[in-house]
Amino acid sequence: MNGLKMLAIALIVAGGLALAYGGFTYTKTTSEAKIGPIVLAVKDTETVNIPIWLGLGSLVAGIILLVSRK
């Protein structure tokens, strides 16, 4: 399997996941304080939304790369 087909499959998978989930969330620690044995931390949950047009574009680009010949 050459690199172009691997890229096409990766784009198809990424586009499908983007359309299925529409985004992802992650947690990051913004500040932390250590006072003796006590540890205080603030954790924020951030959400990243992936636009539908980006998922569709990735899916279509992957299909075009997979179908096209050299």
Foldseek 3Di string as FASTA:
>chain_A
DDPLLVQLVVLQVQLVVCVVPQWDKDKDWDDWDDDDPDIDIDIDIDIDGDDNVSSVVSNVVSVCSNPDDD
